[in-house]
Amino acid sequence: MRTRKTTITVEAHQLLVVRRGVRFAEDWCTQCGQRVRLVTVDEAALLTSDSTRKICRSVEEGRVHFKETGDGLLLICLNSLTQ
């Protein structure tokens, strides 16, 4: 009886496009007391390799600094995210 060996290669590619206006690139963080870069929850999740839910939980528990825009967009202080 002859045995065959088959090799299967699977490749996955992912493209992430983050669109955002320049007006949110930097702002004052009252908790840090300095001008900081603010990122969206999705960007914060990508930078930390965490889920967006975990980032939101960190906000709720007060572990990261944040700002909420008038239209409801949640922005995370990058300094507090990397501490």
N, C-alpha and C. Protein backbone atom coordinates (compact mmCIF):
# COMPACT_ATOMS: atom_id res chain seq x y z
N MET A 1 0.84 -1.17 0.00
CA MET A 1 0.00 0.00 0.00
C MET A 1 0.89 1.24 0.00
N ARG A 2 0.56 2.20 -0.85
CA ARG A 2 1.32 3.43 -0.97
C ARG A 2 0.66 4.56 -0.19
N THR A 3 1.46 5.37 0.51
CA THR A 3 0.96 6.49 1.27
C THR A 3 1.32 7.79 0.56
N ARG A 4 0.32 8.66 0.43
CA ARG A 4 0.58 9.98 -0.17
C ARG A 4 0.67 11.03 0.90
N LYS A 5 1.53 11.97 0.67
CA LYS A 5 1.66 13.10 1.58
C LYS A 5 1.22 14.35 0.83
N THR A 6 0.25 15.07 1.41
CA THR A 6 -0.26 16.30 0.80
C THR A 6 0.01 17.46 1.74
N THR A 7 0.59 18.51 1.20
CA THR A 7 0.85 19.72 1.97
C THR A 7 -0.13 20.80 1.53
N ILE A 8 -0.81 21.37 2.51
CA ILE A 8 -1.75 22.46 2.22
C ILE A 8 -1.25 23.71 2.92
N THR A 9 -1.14 24.79 2.16
CA THR A 9 -0.70 26.07 2.70
C THR A 9 -1.86 27.05 2.66
N VAL A 10 -2.12 27.66 3.80
CA VAL A 10 -3.19 28.65 3.89
C VAL A 10 -2.56 30.00 4.23
N GLU A 11 -2.90 31.01 3.45
CA GLU A 11 -2.39 32.35 3.71
C GLU A 11 -3.56 33.28 3.98
N ALA A 12 -3.40 34.13 4.95
CA ALA A 12 -4.44 35.11 5.27
C ALA A 12 -3.81 36.50 5.24
N HIS A 13 -4.50 37.40 4.62
CA HIS A 13 -4.02 38.78 4.54
C HIS A 13 -5.10 39.69 5.10
N GLN A 14 -4.69 40.69 5.82
CA GLN A 14 -5.63 41.63 6.40
C GLN A 14 -5.14 43.04 6.14
N LEU A 15 -6.03 43.88 5.70
CA LEU A 15 -5.72 45.28 5.45
C LEU A 15 -6.56 46.12 6.39
N LEU A 16 -5.90 46.97 7.14
CA LEU A 16 -6.60 47.84 8.06
C LEU A 16 -6.47 49.27 7.56
N VAL A 17 -7.59 49.92 7.40
CA VAL A 17 -7.60 51.32 6.99
C VAL A 17 -8.27 52.10 8.10
N VAL A 18 -7.54 53.04 8.66
CA VAL A 18 -8.09 53.88 9.73
C VAL A 18 -8.25 55.28 9.15
N ARG A 19 -9.49 55.73 9.11
CA ARG A 19 -9.76 57.08 8.59
C ARG A 19 -10.16 57.96 9.75
N ARG A 20 -9.49 59.09 9.81
CA ARG A 20 -9.76 59.99 10.93
C ARG A 20 -9.26 61.37 10.54
N GLY A 21 -9.97 62.37 10.98
CA GLY A 21 -9.55 63.74 10.72
C GLY A 21 -8.36 64.12 11.57
N VAL A 22 -7.58 65.05 11.11
CA VAL A 22 -6.39 65.48 11.81
C VAL A 22 -6.73 66.16 13.14
N ARG A 23 -7.93 66.67 13.29
CA ARG A 23 -8.30 67.42 14.49
C ARG A 23 -8.23 66.58 15.76
N PHE A 24 -8.24 65.26 15.67
CA PHE A 24 -8.18 64.41 16.84
C PHE A 24 -6.78 63.87 17.11
N ALA A 25 -5.80 64.26 16.32
CA ALA A 25 -4.46 63.71 16.46
C ALA A 25 -3.87 64.00 17.84
N GLU A 26 -4.03 65.21 18.33
CA GLU A 26 -3.51 65.58 19.65
C GLU A 26 -4.51 66.46 20.37
N ASP A 27 -4.53 66.33 21.69
CA ASP A 27 -5.38 67.19 22.50
C ASP A 27 -4.84 67.16 23.93
N TRP A 28 -5.39 67.99 24.77
CA TRP A 28 -4.96 68.08 26.16
C TRP A 28 -5.62 66.97 26.98
N CYS A 29 -4.83 66.23 27.74
CA CYS A 29 -5.36 65.23 28.66
C CYS A 29 -5.28 65.82 30.07
N THR A 30 -6.43 66.05 30.68
CA THR A 30 -6.44 66.67 32.01
C THR A 30 -5.81 65.75 33.06
N GLN A 31 -5.95 64.45 32.92
CA GLN A 31 -5.36 63.52 33.89
C GLN A 31 -3.83 63.47 33.78
N CYS A 32 -3.31 63.52 32.55
CA CYS A 32 -1.85 63.53 32.34
C CYS A 32 -1.26 64.91 32.56
N GLY A 33 -2.07 65.94 32.34
CA GLY A 33 -1.59 67.31 32.46
C GLY A 33 -0.68 67.72 31.33
N GLN A 34 -0.90 67.14 30.16
CA GLN A 34 -0.07 67.49 29.00
C GLN A 34 -0.81 67.19 27.70
N ARG A 35 -0.24 67.68 26.61
CA ARG A 35 -0.80 67.42 25.29
C ARG A 35 -0.42 66.00 24.90
N VAL A 36 -1.41 65.21 24.48
CA VAL A 36 -1.17 63.79 24.17
C VAL A 36 -1.84 63.42 22.85
N ARG A 37 -1.47 62.28 22.34
CA ARG A 37 -2.13 61.74 21.15
C ARG A 37 -3.33 60.93 21.62
N LEU A 38 -4.45 61.14 20.98
CA LEU A 38 -5.67 60.41 21.28
C LEU A 38 -5.98 59.46 20.14
N VAL A 39 -6.38 58.25 20.49
CA VAL A 39 -6.71 57.24 19.48
C VAL A 39 -8.12 56.73 19.73
N THR A 40 -8.74 56.20 18.70
CA THR A 40 -10.07 55.62 18.85
C THR A 40 -9.97 54.29 19.59
N VAL A 41 -11.10 53.77 20.01
CA VAL A 41 -11.14 52.48 20.70
C VAL A 41 -10.60 51.38 19.79
N ASP A 42 -10.96 51.41 18.52
CA ASP A 42 -10.46 50.40 17.57
C ASP A 42 -8.94 50.47 17.43
N GLU A 43 -8.40 51.69 17.33
CA GLU A 43 -6.95 51.84 17.23
C GLU A 43 -6.26 51.37 18.51
N ALA A 44 -6.85 51.69 19.66
CA ALA A 44 -6.29 51.26 20.95
C ALA A 44 -6.26 49.74 21.03
N ALA A 45 -7.31 49.10 20.55
CA ALA A 45 -7.37 47.64 20.56
C ALA A 45 -6.28 47.05 19.67
N LEU A 46 -6.07 47.66 18.52
CA LEU A 46 -5.01 47.18 17.62
C LEU A 46 -3.62 47.38 18.22
N LEU A 47 -3.39 48.51 18.84
CA LEU A 47 -2.08 48.80 19.42
C LEU A 47 -1.74 47.88 20.58
N THR A 48 -2.75 47.47 21.33
CA THR A 48 -2.51 46.63 22.51
C THR A 48 -2.78 45.15 22.27
N SER A 49 -3.28 44.82 21.08
CA SER A 49 -3.68 43.44 20.75
C SER A 49 -4.77 42.93 21.68
N ASP A 50 -5.61 43.84 22.15
CA ASP A 50 -6.74 43.49 23.00
C ASP A 50 -8.03 43.67 22.20
N SER A 51 -9.12 43.22 22.77
CA SER A 51 -10.42 43.43 22.12
C SER A 51 -10.92 44.83 22.44
N THR A 52 -11.84 45.31 21.62
CA THR A 52 -12.43 46.61 21.88
C THR A 52 -13.21 46.58 23.20
N ARG A 53 -13.79 45.44 23.52
CA ARG A 53 -14.53 45.30 24.79
C ARG A 53 -13.59 45.47 25.98
N LYS A 54 -12.37 44.92 25.88
CA LYS A 54 -11.41 45.04 26.98
C LYS A 54 -10.98 46.50 27.15
N ILE A 55 -10.83 47.21 26.03
CA ILE A 55 -10.48 48.64 26.10
C ILE A 55 -11.62 49.41 26.76
N CYS A 56 -12.85 49.12 26.38
CA CYS A 56 -14.01 49.79 26.99
C CYS A 56 -14.11 49.48 28.48
N ARG A 57 -13.78 48.26 28.86
CA ARG A 57 -13.78 47.89 30.27
C ARG A 57 -12.73 48.69 31.03
N SER A 58 -11.57 48.89 30.42
CA SER A 58 -10.51 49.69 31.03
C SER A 58 -10.96 51.13 31.24
N VAL A 59 -11.72 51.65 30.28
CA VAL A 59 -12.28 53.00 30.41
C VAL A 59 -13.27 53.04 31.57
N GLU A 60 -14.17 52.06 31.61
CA GLU A 60 -15.18 52.01 32.67
C GLU A 60 -14.56 51.89 34.06
N GLU A 61 -13.43 51.17 34.15
CA GLU A 61 -12.76 50.96 35.44
C GLU A 61 -11.79 52.09 35.78
N GLY A 62 -11.64 53.07 34.87
CA GLY A 62 -10.78 54.22 35.13
C GLY A 62 -9.30 53.95 34.98
N ARG A 63 -8.94 52.87 34.29
CA ARG A 63 -7.51 52.54 34.11
C ARG A 63 -6.85 53.31 32.98
N VAL A 64 -7.65 53.83 32.05
CA VAL A 64 -7.11 54.65 30.96
C VAL A 64 -7.85 55.98 30.92
N HIS A 65 -7.18 57.00 30.45
CA HIS A 65 -7.78 58.32 30.31
C HIS A 65 -8.52 58.38 28.98
N PHE A 66 -9.58 59.16 28.93
CA PHE A 66 -10.37 59.23 27.70
C PHE A 66 -11.07 60.57 27.59
N LYS A 67 -11.53 60.83 26.39
CA LYS A 67 -12.38 61.99 26.10
C LYS A 67 -13.50 61.50 25.22
N GLU A 68 -14.65 62.11 25.37
CA GLU A 68 -15.76 61.79 24.49
C GLU A 68 -16.11 63.05 23.70
N THR A 69 -16.18 62.91 22.39
CA THR A 69 -16.49 64.05 21.55
C THR A 69 -17.98 64.35 21.60
N GLY A 70 -18.37 65.48 21.07
CA GLY A 70 -19.77 65.87 21.06
C GLY A 70 -20.66 64.90 20.31
N ASP A 71 -20.09 64.22 19.31
CA ASP A 71 -20.89 63.26 18.54
C ASP A 71 -20.77 61.82 19.08
N GLY A 72 -20.22 61.68 20.29
CA GLY A 72 -20.19 60.38 20.95
C GLY A 72 -18.99 59.50 20.67
N LEU A 73 -17.99 60.01 19.97
CA LEU A 73 -16.79 59.23 19.68
C LEU A 73 -15.90 59.19 20.91
N LEU A 74 -15.51 58.00 21.32
CA LEU A 74 -14.66 57.82 22.49
C LEU A 74 -13.21 57.81 22.06
N LEU A 75 -12.39 58.70 22.62
CA LEU A 75 -10.97 58.80 22.29
C LEU A 75 -10.15 58.46 23.52
N ILE A 76 -9.14 57.63 23.33
CA ILE A 76 -8.31 57.12 24.41
C ILE A 76 -6.96 57.83 24.41
N CYS A 77 -6.49 58.24 25.59
CA CYS A 77 -5.17 58.86 25.74
C CYS A 77 -4.11 57.78 25.55
N LEU A 78 -3.25 57.98 24.57
CA LEU A 78 -2.22 56.99 24.26
C LEU A 78 -1.24 56.80 25.40
N ASN A 79 -0.92 57.90 26.13
CA ASN A 79 0.01 57.78 27.26
C ASN A 79 -0.52 56.84 28.33
N SER A 80 -1.80 56.97 28.68
CA SER A 80 -2.36 56.12 29.73
C SER A 80 -2.55 54.69 29.24
N LEU A 81 -2.67 54.51 27.95
CA LEU A 81 -2.85 53.17 27.39
C LEU A 81 -1.56 52.36 27.47
N THR A 82 -0.42 53.04 27.36
CA THR A 82 0.87 52.33 27.35
C THR A 82 1.53 52.24 28.71
N GLN A 83 0.87 52.77 29.75
CA GLN A 83 1.45 52.70 31.11
C GLN A 83 1.21 51.36 31.74
